[in-house]
Amino acid sequence: MKILKYYISILCMLQCFGVYAQPEKPKKVIIIDGYFFNSMPVAKTDIAKMHIINAMSGTTALGLELSKSLPDEAIQYAVPIEEVADGEELLKRYNEAISKSNGFAVTITKKRIINEGDKFPEFTAIDINGKTWTNADIKGMVMVLNLWFSGCRPCIAEMPELSKWKNEMPDVMFFSATYEDAERAKPVIEYQGFNWITLINDKQFTEFIGSNGYPMTIVIDKSGIVKKVEYGTSPIQLIELKKFIQLLR
């Protein structure tokens, strides 16, 4: 169990690394089905087995086997092998590890505090401008709630994409919530241009995280029923989540 937690932590670090990766060849990469990535292109729950691969020069790769095929949409985020330090060597060792069935099997079980099909609870929350919001303000509307905090790099990285959603779907109520205060949250949302309604000093919604980690996004339909609970972030998760929200409008 300790070994599994160690490798899961490595995966999280690699995901965070990719957010601020520099133009030079990365020294830490992810390999999936022979493709290189700077960060996870799919949900971590899709991982079936992982391998730690090291090149002679010190470049490290996290080789992953998925429980389902890598979607075509994910390949557009792949890094060309020429742009990866020791790419040929890493790919060779990755293929050898796969053929030998090395690595550690991964089963990620998420115990959810809020579940799809639940009635979204009654709430009172205050946004960064001091306005109070309750269930009455979203009655009859689709609501999307994103949970984040300023030290979560994947949370911050997805903000520009999330902001596009609000511009494209003005009839949806988009909220973000953080347990942090305005002084901590404001510089982040201003720098990222995050245009969702930001709820601060939150204690109710952030309890939904449990031990599953940030970011987390919850989609509630017009009847107040939770229709989607999404932990983590990746390009494919965001594409699918956006499509799901559009169907509820």
C-alpha atoms as a PDB file:
ATOM      1  CA  MET A   1       0.000   0.000   0.000  1.00  0.00           C
ATOM      2  CA  LYS A   2       2.849   2.385   0.843  1.00  0.00           C
ATOM      3  CA  ILE A   3       4.467   1.665  -2.531  1.00  0.00           C
ATOM      4  CA  LEU A   4       1.193   2.329  -4.343  1.00  0.00           C
ATOM      5  CA  LYS A   5       0.706   5.630  -2.537  1.00  0.00           C
ATOM      6  CA  TYR A   6       4.274   6.567  -3.459  1.00  0.00           C
ATOM      7  CA  TYR A   7       3.670   6.039  -7.169  1.00  0.00           C
ATOM      8  CA  ILE A   8       0.334   7.826  -7.050  1.00  0.00           C
ATOM      9  CA  SER A   9       2.150  10.800  -5.520  1.00  0.00           C
ATOM     10  CA  ILE A  10       4.668  10.653  -8.375  1.00  0.00           C
ATOM     11  CA  LEU A  11       1.811  10.792 -10.863  1.00  0.00           C
ATOM     12  CA  CYS A  12       0.381  13.862  -9.143  1.00  0.00           C
ATOM     13  CA  MET A  13       3.773  15.563  -9.201  1.00  0.00           C
ATOM     14  CA  LEU A  14       4.202  14.852 -12.893  1.00  0.00           C
ATOM     15  CA  GLN A  15       0.779  16.298 -13.609  1.00  0.00           C
ATOM     16  CA  CYS A  16       1.680  19.452 -11.706  1.00  0.00           C
ATOM     17  CA  PHE A  17       5.045  19.593 -13.468  1.00  0.00           C
ATOM     18  CA  GLY A  18       3.384  19.691 -16.855  1.00  0.00           C
ATOM     19  CA  VAL A  19       1.388  22.806 -15.998  1.00  0.00           C
ATOM     20  CA  TYR A  20       4.465  25.009 -15.895  1.00  0.00           C
ATOM     21  CA  ALA A  21       6.738  23.019 -18.207  1.00  0.00           C
ATOM     22  CA  GLN A  22       9.366  25.069 -20.011  1.00  0.00           C
ATOM     23  CA  PRO A  23      10.098  24.912 -23.769  1.00  0.00           C
ATOM     24  CA  GLU A  24      13.323  22.876 -23.289  1.00  0.00           C
ATOM     25  CA  LYS A  25      13.127  19.108 -23.407  1.00  0.00           C
ATOM     26  CA  PRO A  26      11.331  17.873 -20.272  1.00  0.00           C
ATOM     27  CA  LYS A  27      13.216  15.626 -17.860  1.00  0.00           C
ATOM     28  CA  LYS A  28      10.018  14.067 -16.490  1.00  0.00           C
ATOM     29  CA  VAL A  29       7.354  12.753 -18.824  1.00  0.00           C
ATOM     30  CA  ILE A  30       4.392  10.379 -19.014  1.00  0.00           C
ATOM     31  CA  ILE A  31       4.235   7.596 -21.608  1.00  0.00           C
ATOM     32  CA  ILE A  32       0.919   6.056 -22.632  1.00  0.00           C
ATOM     33  CA  ASP A  33       0.568   3.615 -25.548  1.00  0.00           C
ATOM     34  CA  GLY A  34       3.903   4.834 -26.921  1.00  0.00           C
ATOM     35  CA  TYR A  35       2.947   8.531 -26.805  1.00  0.00           C
ATOM     36  CA  PHE A  36       4.705  11.091 -24.615  1.00  0.00           C
ATOM     37  CA  PHE A  37       2.824  13.655 -22.499  1.00  0.00           C
ATOM     38  CA  ASN A  38       3.878  16.441 -20.142  1.00  0.00           C
ATOM     39  CA  SER A  39       0.743  15.937 -18.047  1.00  0.00           C
ATOM     40  CA  MET A  40      -2.075  13.412 -17.777  1.00  0.00           C
ATOM     41  CA  PRO A  41      -4.328  13.611 -20.858  1.00  0.00           C
ATOM     42  CA  VAL A  42      -7.019  11.383 -19.312  1.00  0.00           C
ATOM     43  CA  ALA A  43      -8.502  10.744 -15.886  1.00  0.00           C
ATOM     44  CA  LYS A  44      -6.276   9.018 -13.337  1.00  0.00           C
ATOM     45  CA  THR A  45      -9.078   6.521 -12.727  1.00  0.00           C
ATOM     46  CA  ASP A  46      -8.327   5.086 -16.199  1.00  0.00           C
ATOM     47  CA  ILE A  47      -4.894   3.827 -15.059  1.00  0.00           C
ATOM     48  CA  ALA A  48      -4.584   0.041 -14.751  1.00  0.00           C
ATOM     49  CA  LYS A  49      -0.811  -0.332 -14.242  1.00  0.00           C
ATOM     50  CA  MET A  50       2.196   1.953 -13.909  1.00  0.00           C
ATOM     51  CA  HIS A  51       5.931   1.637 -14.512  1.00  0.00           C
ATOM     52  CA  ILE A  52       8.782   3.870 -13.387  1.00  0.00           C
ATOM     53  CA  ILE A  53      11.300   4.167 -16.242  1.00  0.00           C
ATOM     54  CA  ASN A  54      14.709   5.817 -15.963  1.00  0.00           C
ATOM     55  CA  ALA A  55      17.115   6.720 -18.737  1.00  0.00           C
ATOM     56  CA  MET A  56      20.872   6.521 -18.230  1.00  0.00           C
ATOM     57  CA  SER A  57      21.149  10.328 -18.183  1.00  0.00           C
ATOM     58  CA  GLY A  58      18.564  10.682 -15.421  1.00  0.00           C
ATOM     59  CA  THR A  59      15.417  11.460 -17.402  1.00  0.00           C
ATOM     60  CA  THR A  60      12.392   9.885 -15.696  1.00  0.00           C
ATOM     61  CA  ALA A  61       9.191   8.637 -17.293  1.00  0.00           C
ATOM     62  CA  LEU A  62       6.008   7.330 -15.751  1.00  0.00           C
ATOM     63  CA  GLY A  63       4.838   4.593 -18.097  1.00  0.00           C
ATOM     64  CA  LEU A  64       1.111   3.918 -17.862  1.00  0.00           C
ATOM     65  CA  GLU A  65      -1.188   1.176 -19.064  1.00  0.00           C
ATOM     66  CA  LEU A  66      -4.846   2.201 -19.227  1.00  0.00           C
ATOM     67  CA  SER A  67      -7.951   0.191 -18.471  1.00  0.00           C
ATOM     68  CA  LYS A  68      -9.359   1.362 -21.806  1.00  0.00           C
ATOM     69  CA  SER A  69      -7.930   2.595 -25.079  1.00  0.00           C
ATOM     70  CA  LEU A  70      -6.297   5.998 -25.212  1.00  0.00           C
ATOM     71  CA  PRO A  71      -8.930   8.203 -26.923  1.00  0.00           C
ATOM     72  CA  ASP A  72      -8.008   9.788 -30.230  1.00  0.00           C
ATOM     73  CA  GLU A  73      -8.705  13.223 -28.758  1.00  0.00           C
ATOM     74  CA  ALA A  74      -5.865  12.746 -26.272  1.00  0.00           C
ATOM     75  CA  ILE A  75      -3.227  12.180 -28.926  1.00  0.00           C
ATOM     76  CA  GLN A  76      -3.343  15.822 -29.983  1.00  0.00           C
ATOM     77  CA  TYR A  77      -1.703  16.654 -26.640  1.00  0.00           C
ATOM     78  CA  ALA A  78       1.193  14.262 -27.199  1.00  0.00           C
ATOM     79  CA  VAL A  79       4.764  15.593 -27.263  1.00  0.00           C
ATOM     80  CA  PRO A  80       6.852  14.543 -30.315  1.00  0.00           C
ATOM     81  CA  ILE A  81       9.551  12.070 -29.348  1.00  0.00           C
ATOM     82  CA  GLU A  82      12.180  14.451 -30.757  1.00  0.00           C
ATOM     83  CA  GLU A  83      11.244  16.949 -28.041  1.00  0.00           C
ATOM     84  CA  VAL A  84      11.738  14.458 -25.202  1.00  0.00           C
ATOM     85  CA  ALA A  85      15.163  14.030 -23.629  1.00  0.00           C
ATOM     86  CA  ASP A  86      16.245  10.413 -24.188  1.00  0.00           C
ATOM     87  CA  GLY A  87      12.931   9.757 -25.870  1.00  0.00           C
ATOM     88  CA  GLU A  88      14.086   6.733 -27.888  1.00  0.00           C
ATOM     89  CA  GLU A  89      15.662   5.091 -24.850  1.00  0.00           C
ATOM     90  CA  LEU A  90      12.604   5.725 -22.679  1.00  0.00           C
ATOM     91  CA  LEU A  91      10.245   4.345 -25.303  1.00  0.00           C
ATOM     92  CA  LYS A  92      12.368   1.199 -25.697  1.00  0.00           C
ATOM     93  CA  ARG A  93      12.388   0.615 -21.937  1.00  0.00           C
ATOM     94  CA  TYR A  94       8.655   1.321 -21.758  1.00  0.00           C
ATOM     95  CA  ASN A  95       7.934  -1.338 -24.384  1.00  0.00           C
ATOM     96  CA  GLU A  96      10.208  -3.795 -22.586  1.00  0.00           C
ATOM     97  CA  ALA A  97       8.376  -3.187 -19.300  1.00  0.00           C
ATOM     98  CA  ILE A  98       5.016  -3.747 -20.991  1.00  0.00           C
ATOM     99  CA  SER A  99       6.167  -6.985 -22.639  1.00  0.00           C
ATOM    100  CA  LYS A 100       7.522  -8.330 -19.342  1.00  0.00           C
ATOM    101  CA  SER A 101       4.353  -7.326 -17.464  1.00  0.00           C
ATOM    102  CA  ASN A 102       6.393  -5.408 -14.931  1.00  0.00           C
ATOM    103  CA  GLY A 103       4.985  -2.540 -12.914  1.00  0.00           C
ATOM    104  CA  PHE A 104       2.303  -2.127 -10.299  1.00  0.00           C
ATOM    105  CA  ALA A 105      -1.395  -2.715 -10.775  1.00  0.00           C
ATOM    106  CA  VAL A 106      -3.473   0.312  -9.795  1.00  0.00           C
ATOM    107  CA  THR A 107      -6.985   0.399  -8.435  1.00  0.00           C
ATOM    108  CA  ILE A 108      -8.250   3.852  -7.496  1.00  0.00           C
ATOM    109  CA  THR A 109     -11.450   3.755  -5.470  1.00  0.00           C
ATOM    110  CA  LYS A 110     -13.104   7.069  -4.757  1.00  0.00           C
ATOM    111  CA  LYS A 111     -15.385   7.277  -1.749  1.00  0.00           C
ATOM    112  CA  ARG A 112     -17.698  10.136  -2.579  1.00  0.00           C
ATOM    113  CA  ILE A 113     -19.358  12.339   0.005  1.00  0.00           C
ATOM    114  CA  ILE A 114     -21.717  13.683  -2.637  1.00  0.00           C
ATOM    115  CA  ASN A 115     -22.984  11.350  -5.330  1.00  0.00           C
ATOM    116  CA  GLU A 116     -24.671  11.530  -8.693  1.00  0.00           C
ATOM    117  CA  GLY A 117     -28.418  11.335  -8.129  1.00  0.00           C
ATOM    118  CA  ASP A 118     -28.305  13.191  -4.798  1.00  0.00           C
ATOM    119  CA  LYS A 119     -30.383  16.271  -4.191  1.00  0.00           C
ATOM    120  CA  PHE A 120     -27.952  19.185  -4.009  1.00  0.00           C
ATOM    121  CA  PRO A 121     -28.020  20.418  -0.400  1.00  0.00           C
ATOM    122  CA  GLU A 122     -29.357  23.715   0.848  1.00  0.00           C
ATOM    123  CA  PHE A 123     -26.577  26.285   1.018  1.00  0.00           C
ATOM    124  CA  THR A 124     -25.696  29.862   1.839  1.00  0.00           C
ATOM    125  CA  ALA A 125     -22.404  31.118   0.431  1.00  0.00           C
ATOM    126  CA  ILE A 126     -20.644  34.461   0.058  1.00  0.00           C
ATOM    127  CA  ASP A 127     -18.715  35.413  -3.060  1.00  0.00           C
ATOM    128  CA  ILE A 128     -15.515  37.405  -3.320  1.00  0.00           C
ATOM    129  CA  ASN A 129     -17.486  40.645  -3.734  1.00  0.00           C
ATOM    130  CA  GLY A 130     -19.525  40.064  -0.574  1.00  0.00           C
ATOM    131  CA  LYS A 131     -22.755  38.931  -2.242  1.00  0.00           C
ATOM    132  CA  THR A 132     -24.718  36.114  -0.582  1.00  0.00           C
ATOM    133  CA  TRP A 133     -25.970  33.213  -2.706  1.00  0.00           C
ATOM    134  CA  THR A 134     -28.518  30.508  -1.874  1.00  0.00           C
ATOM    135  CA  ASN A 135     -30.420  27.763  -3.671  1.00  0.00           C
ATOM    136  CA  ALA A 136     -33.089  30.289  -4.585  1.00  0.00           C
ATOM    137  CA  ASP A 137     -30.616  32.066  -6.872  1.00  0.00           C
ATOM    138  CA  ILE A 138     -30.118  28.975  -9.038  1.00  0.00           C
ATOM    139  CA  LYS A 139     -33.682  27.636  -9.049  1.00  0.00           C
ATOM    140  CA  GLY A 140     -34.594  26.290 -12.467  1.00  0.00           C
ATOM    141  CA  MET A 141     -31.054  26.703 -13.808  1.00  0.00           C
ATOM    142  CA  VAL A 142     -28.145  24.382 -14.463  1.00  0.00           C
ATOM    143  CA  MET A 143     -25.398  24.952 -11.888  1.00  0.00           C
ATOM    144  CA  VAL A 144     -21.721  23.995 -12.133  1.00  0.00           C
ATOM    145  CA  LEU A 145     -19.506  24.116  -9.048  1.00  0.00           C
ATOM    146  CA  ASN A 146     -15.706  23.904  -9.258  1.00  0.00           C
ATOM    147  CA  LEU A 147     -13.650  23.394  -6.078  1.00  0.00           C
ATOM    148  CA  TRP A 148     -10.056  24.628  -5.973  1.00  0.00           C
ATOM    149  CA  PHE A 149      -7.369  26.318  -3.896  1.00  0.00           C
ATOM    150  CA  SER A 150      -4.425  28.540  -4.767  1.00  0.00           C
ATOM    151  CA  GLY A 151      -1.753  25.870  -4.225  1.00  0.00           C
ATOM    152  CA  CYS A 152      -3.343  23.427  -6.680  1.00  0.00           C
ATOM    153  CA  ARG A 153      -1.533  23.819  -9.996  1.00  0.00           C
ATOM    154  CA  PRO A 154      -3.943  21.632 -12.017  1.00  0.00           C
ATOM    155  CA  CYS A 155      -6.808  23.730 -10.610  1.00  0.00           C
ATOM    156  CA  ILE A 156      -5.174  26.939 -11.770  1.00  0.00           C
ATOM    157  CA  ALA A 157      -4.188  25.503 -15.143  1.00  0.00           C
ATOM    158  CA  GLU A 158      -7.785  24.641 -16.080  1.00  0.00           C
ATOM    159  CA  MET A 159      -9.175  28.097 -15.235  1.00  0.00           C
ATOM    160  CA  PRO A 160      -8.709  29.679 -18.692  1.00  0.00           C
ATOM    161  CA  GLU A 161     -10.614  26.817 -20.312  1.00  0.00           C
ATOM    162  CA  LEU A 162     -13.375  26.977 -17.704  1.00  0.00           C
ATOM    163  CA  SER A 163     -13.754  30.702 -18.312  1.00  0.00           C
ATOM    164  CA  LYS A 164     -14.580  29.979 -21.957  1.00  0.00           C
ATOM    165  CA  TRP A 165     -17.518  27.877 -20.803  1.00  0.00           C
ATOM    166  CA  LYS A 166     -19.152  30.784 -19.032  1.00  0.00           C
ATOM    167  CA  ASN A 167     -18.801  32.961 -22.118  1.00  0.00           C
ATOM    168  CA  GLU A 168     -20.309  30.233 -24.293  1.00  0.00           C
ATOM    169  CA  MET A 169     -23.100  29.240 -21.870  1.00  0.00           C
ATOM    170  CA  PRO A 170     -24.396  32.424 -20.188  1.00  0.00           C
ATOM    171  CA  ASP A 171     -27.591  30.627 -19.127  1.00  0.00           C
ATOM    172  CA  VAL A 172     -25.629  28.321 -16.786  1.00  0.00           C
ATOM    173  CA  MET A 173     -24.678  29.363 -13.252  1.00  0.00           C
ATOM    174  CA  PHE A 174     -20.934  28.778 -12.888  1.00  0.00           C
ATOM    175  CA  PHE A 175     -19.557  28.912  -9.342  1.00  0.00           C
ATOM    176  CA  SER A 176     -16.100  28.196  -7.986  1.00  0.00           C
ATOM    177  CA  ALA A 177     -15.468  27.655  -4.295  1.00  0.00           C
ATOM    178  CA  THR A 178     -12.351  27.802  -2.158  1.00  0.00           C
ATOM    179  CA  TYR A 179     -11.779  27.537   1.580  1.00  0.00           C
ATOM    180  CA  GLU A 180      -9.330  30.447   1.253  1.00  0.00           C
ATOM    181  CA  ASP A 181     -10.123  34.095   1.875  1.00  0.00           C
ATOM    182  CA  ALA A 182     -10.355  36.922  -0.667  1.00  0.00           C
ATOM    183  CA  GLU A 183      -6.783  38.042  -0.099  1.00  0.00           C
ATOM    184  CA  ARG A 184      -5.504  34.618  -1.105  1.00  0.00           C
ATOM    185  CA  ALA A 185      -7.954  33.889  -3.896  1.00  0.00           C
ATOM    186  CA  LYS A 186      -8.148  37.240  -5.685  1.00  0.00           C
ATOM    187  CA  PRO A 187      -4.598  37.353  -7.139  1.00  0.00           C
ATOM    188  CA  VAL A 188      -5.110  33.903  -8.655  1.00  0.00           C
ATOM    189  CA  ILE A 189      -8.449  34.574 -10.323  1.00  0.00           C
ATOM    190  CA  GLU A 190      -7.285  37.960 -11.588  1.00  0.00           C
ATOM    191  CA  TYR A 191      -4.065  36.550 -13.049  1.00  0.00           C
ATOM    192  CA  GLN A 192      -5.921  33.685 -14.743  1.00  0.00           C
ATOM    193  CA  GLY A 193      -8.874  35.835 -15.764  1.00  0.00           C
ATOM    194  CA  PHE A 194     -11.185  33.325 -14.097  1.00  0.00           C
ATOM    195  CA  ASN A 195     -14.716  34.636 -14.609  1.00  0.00           C
ATOM    196  CA  TRP A 196     -16.781  32.170 -12.562  1.00  0.00           C
ATOM    197  CA  ILE A 197     -18.548  33.443  -9.429  1.00  0.00           C
ATOM    198  CA  THR A 198     -15.931  32.816  -6.745  1.00  0.00           C
ATOM    199  CA  LEU A 199     -17.198  31.722  -3.341  1.00  0.00           C
ATOM    200  CA  ILE A 200     -14.652  32.276  -0.563  1.00  0.00           C
ATOM    201  CA  ASN A 201     -14.131  31.059   3.014  1.00  0.00           C
ATOM    202  CA  ASP A 202     -16.177  28.033   2.040  1.00  0.00           C
ATOM    203  CA  LYS A 203     -16.662  25.237   4.557  1.00  0.00           C
ATOM    204  CA  GLN A 204     -19.679  23.411   3.173  1.00  0.00           C
ATOM    205  CA  PHE A 205     -18.699  22.623  -0.406  1.00  0.00           C
ATOM    206  CA  THR A 206     -15.030  21.852   0.226  1.00  0.00           C
ATOM    207  CA  GLU A 207     -16.088  18.991   2.488  1.00  0.00           C
ATOM    208  CA  PHE A 208     -17.166  17.192  -0.692  1.00  0.00           C
ATOM    209  CA  ILE A 209     -13.488  16.682  -1.555  1.00  0.00           C
ATOM    210  CA  GLY A 210     -12.918  14.126   1.182  1.00  0.00           C
ATOM    211  CA  SER A 211      -9.605  12.395   0.456  1.00  0.00           C
ATOM    212  CA  ASN A 212      -9.998  12.461  -3.322  1.00  0.00           C
ATOM    213  CA  GLY A 213      -8.039  15.617  -4.076  1.00  0.00           C
ATOM    214  CA  TYR A 214      -8.538  18.781  -6.103  1.00  0.00           C
ATOM    215  CA  PRO A 215      -9.877  19.992  -8.448  1.00  0.00           C
ATOM    216  CA  MET A 216     -13.449  18.754  -8.262  1.00  0.00           C
ATOM    217  CA  THR A 217     -16.395  19.761 -10.446  1.00  0.00           C
ATOM    218  CA  ILE A 218     -20.064  19.100  -9.710  1.00  0.00           C
ATOM    219  CA  VAL A 219     -22.883  19.541 -12.222  1.00  0.00           C
ATOM    220  CA  ILE A 220     -26.443  20.084 -10.965  1.00  0.00           C
ATOM    221  CA  ASP A 221     -29.468  20.015 -13.286  1.00  0.00           C
ATOM    222  CA  LYS A 222     -32.429  22.390 -13.369  1.00  0.00           C
ATOM    223  CA  SER A 223     -34.284  20.273 -10.797  1.00  0.00           C
ATOM    224  CA  GLY A 224     -31.447  20.541  -8.276  1.00  0.00           C
ATOM    225  CA  ILE A 225     -30.210  16.973  -8.774  1.00  0.00           C
ATOM    226  CA  VAL A 226     -26.486  16.202  -8.908  1.00  0.00           C
ATOM    227  CA  LYS A 227     -25.860  14.737 -12.351  1.00  0.00           C
ATOM    228  CA  LYS A 228     -22.054  14.651 -12.485  1.00  0.00           C
ATOM    229  CA  VAL A 229     -19.213  14.477  -9.943  1.00  0.00           C
ATOM    230  CA  GLU A 230     -15.778  14.793 -11.529  1.00  0.00           C
ATOM    231  CA  TYR A 231     -12.494  14.567  -9.625  1.00  0.00           C
ATOM    232  CA  GLY A 232      -9.240  15.723 -11.190  1.00  0.00           C
ATOM    233  CA  THR A 233      -8.668  17.391 -14.522  1.00  0.00           C
ATOM    234  CA  SER A 234      -7.321  16.447 -17.929  1.00  0.00           C
ATOM    235  CA  PRO A 235      -7.999  17.640 -21.488  1.00  0.00           C
ATOM    236  CA  ILE A 236     -10.323  14.712 -22.171  1.00  0.00           C
ATOM    237  CA  GLN A 237     -12.204  15.157 -18.894  1.00  0.00           C
ATOM    238  CA  LEU A 238     -12.793  18.822 -19.730  1.00  0.00           C
ATOM    239  CA  ILE A 239     -14.017  18.027 -23.245  1.00  0.00           C
ATOM    240  CA  GLU A 240     -16.474  15.418 -21.979  1.00  0.00           C
ATOM    241  CA  LEU A 241     -17.610  17.560 -19.059  1.00  0.00           C
ATOM    242  CA  LYS A 242     -18.371  20.503 -21.319  1.00  0.00           C
ATOM    243  CA  LYS A 243     -20.447  18.311 -23.631  1.00  0.00           C
ATOM    244  CA  PHE A 244     -22.352  16.964 -20.627  1.00  0.00           C
ATOM    245  CA  ILE A 245     -23.201  20.463 -19.383  1.00  0.00           C
ATOM    246  CA  GLN A 246     -24.364  21.512 -22.824  1.00  0.00           C
ATOM    247  CA  LEU A 247     -26.826  18.593 -22.931  1.00  0.00           C
ATOM    248  CA  LEU A 248     -28.445  19.702 -19.650  1.00  0.00           C
ATOM    249  CA  ARG A 249     -29.142  23.283 -20.762  1.00  0.00           C
END
